[in-house]
Amino acid sequence: MSTYLIMAAMKGDFLAKSGNIYNNFQMLGYVDSNAHDEAVKIFFNNPQFPIDWQDVIYIWAESLGGDDKNGHYGELDKIYVEDLNN
C-alpha cells in the first residue's frame, strides 16, 4: 500500500500578478491505496473537505513512493468526474 497525492484540474484558469494565465491545478489531499485509480475513487467517495465537483474537470493521483509513472498520471491517466459519478 502506498500514499497517493490527489490532484485535480479545475475549470477556469489561474491569473498570475504578472498577467500570465496558467492552467489551474489543485492538490486536494492524500489517500492510502494500492493503485492510483483506486486512490482517486477513494478520495472522490470520501473527500477530506467539501468539494463542488462541478468545478473539477478531472482528477489523478501521484504515488509518494517510487513509481515509474509518477509525474505522468495527470497526462496519461486522467479520471474525469463524470466517469466517477456513474
Protein backbone atom coordinates (compact mmCIF):
# COMPACT_ATOMS: atom_id res chain seq x y z
CA MET A 1 0.00 0.00 0.00
CA SER A 2 1.24 3.50 -0.85
CA THR A 3 0.24 7.04 -0.02
CA TYR A 4 -1.05 8.98 -3.01
CA LEU A 5 -1.28 12.73 -3.57
CA ILE A 6 -4.66 13.57 -5.12
CA MET A 7 -4.56 16.30 -7.79
CA ALA A 8 -7.32 17.96 -9.80
CA ALA A 9 -7.61 20.05 -12.94
CA MET A 10 -10.08 22.81 -12.16
CA LYS A 11 -12.42 24.63 -14.53
CA GLY A 12 -11.16 28.14 -15.08
CA ASP A 13 -7.63 29.46 -15.35
CA PHE A 14 -5.20 30.94 -12.85
CA LEU A 15 -4.27 34.58 -13.47
CA ALA A 16 -0.84 35.50 -12.07
CA LYS A 17 0.03 39.01 -10.87
CA SER A 18 2.23 39.34 -13.95
CA GLY A 19 -0.84 38.88 -16.14
CA ASN A 20 0.17 35.42 -17.33
CA ILE A 21 -2.59 32.83 -17.49
CA TYR A 22 -1.96 29.24 -16.35
CA ASN A 23 -3.94 26.04 -16.10
CA ASN A 24 -5.48 25.74 -12.64
CA PHE A 25 -4.39 22.54 -10.87
CA GLN A 26 -5.10 21.95 -7.19
CA MET A 27 -3.81 19.48 -4.64
CA LEU A 28 -6.85 18.00 -2.89
CA GLY A 29 -5.33 15.67 -0.29
CA TYR A 30 -3.68 12.34 0.45
CA VAL A 31 -5.04 8.78 0.32
CA ASP A 32 -3.55 5.39 1.18
CA SER A 33 -4.29 2.91 -1.58
CA ASN A 34 -2.93 0.03 -3.67
CA ALA A 35 -3.24 1.84 -7.04
CA HIS A 36 -3.59 5.35 -8.42
CA ASP A 37 -7.08 4.85 -9.89
CA GLU A 38 -8.30 3.28 -6.65
CA ALA A 39 -6.87 6.27 -4.71
CA VAL A 40 -8.91 8.67 -6.85
CA LYS A 41 -12.11 6.68 -6.27
CA ILE A 42 -11.49 6.51 -2.52
CA PHE A 43 -10.97 10.29 -2.34
CA PHE A 44 -13.97 11.02 -4.59
CA ASN A 45 -16.27 8.89 -2.44
CA ASN A 46 -14.98 10.34 0.84
CA PRO A 47 -13.31 13.75 0.30
CA GLN A 48 -11.42 15.25 3.23
CA PHE A 49 -13.36 18.52 2.88
CA PRO A 50 -16.43 19.74 0.94
CA ILE A 51 -15.76 19.95 -2.80
CA ASP A 52 -18.10 21.23 -5.50
CA TRP A 53 -17.34 18.55 -8.08
CA GLN A 54 -18.84 20.74 -10.82
CA ASP A 55 -15.64 22.85 -10.55
CA VAL A 56 -13.38 19.87 -11.31
CA ILE A 57 -12.59 18.61 -14.82
CA TYR A 58 -10.50 15.56 -13.96
CA ILE A 59 -8.56 14.02 -11.08
CA TRP A 60 -5.40 11.94 -10.83
CA ALA A 61 -3.16 10.52 -8.12
CA GLU A 62 0.64 10.52 -7.82
CA SER A 63 2.35 7.96 -5.59
CA LEU A 64 4.64 9.32 -2.90
CA GLY A 65 6.63 6.09 -3.24
CA GLY A 66 8.85 5.00 -6.10
CA ASP A 67 6.60 4.63 -9.13
CA ASP A 68 7.99 4.88 -12.68
CA LYS A 69 4.82 6.61 -13.91
CA ASN A 70 4.96 9.40 -11.30
CA GLY A 71 4.73 12.79 -12.93
CA HIS A 72 2.77 11.39 -15.86
CA TYR A 73 -0.58 10.31 -14.39
CA GLY A 74 -2.04 13.79 -14.95
CA GLU A 75 -1.45 13.49 -18.65
CA LEU A 76 -1.76 9.73 -19.16
CA ASP A 77 -4.34 8.52 -16.64
CA LYS A 78 -6.89 11.28 -16.15
CA ILE A 79 -10.09 10.23 -14.40
CA TYR A 80 -12.95 12.54 -15.35
CA VAL A 81 -15.51 13.48 -12.71
CA GLU A 82 -18.44 12.48 -14.92
CA ASP A 83 -16.99 8.95 -15.11
CA LEU A 84 -16.85 8.81 -11.29
CA ASN A 85 -20.49 9.90 -11.00
CA ASN A 86 -21.67 6.85 -12.97
